Amino acid sequence: MELEVEDNNYMINGISLQNIRNRFEVIVIKLMEKNFPQFAEFDNCPICTEDVYALSLSRIPSVYVKDVSQVFDDDELMTENVEEIVKYAIFQVMSNPKHKHKKGKSKET
């Protein structure tokens, strides 16, 4: 089942809630970019990349902010902990892909 996100799904009483974001979304993406090269066997396909992103975020307590500048207000210790979670997620997805694949290509099962 694919979730469709439309602008009007984030509206209530004429107020847009689209700018409310989990502060860890951008941090996780940056750490994925940083760490993917360390995992030579990771295939970088869309399915595995999305799985790493989702698994990482699901293992981190959500912190929602309405000001995008708050997303980058993080301390080094917290980032190190999140980086370990991202590495764990990459390893888990590599070990249990949701499709048969060859490096750089994917096929849904």
Foldseek 3Di string as FASTA:
>chain_A
DDDDDDQVVQDDPNDGPVLKDFLCLVLLVVLCVVCVVVPVLQQPDPQLVVQLSVQLVVVDDTDIDNDNVVSPPDDPVVSVVSSVSSVVSSVVCSVPPQFDDDRNDTDHD
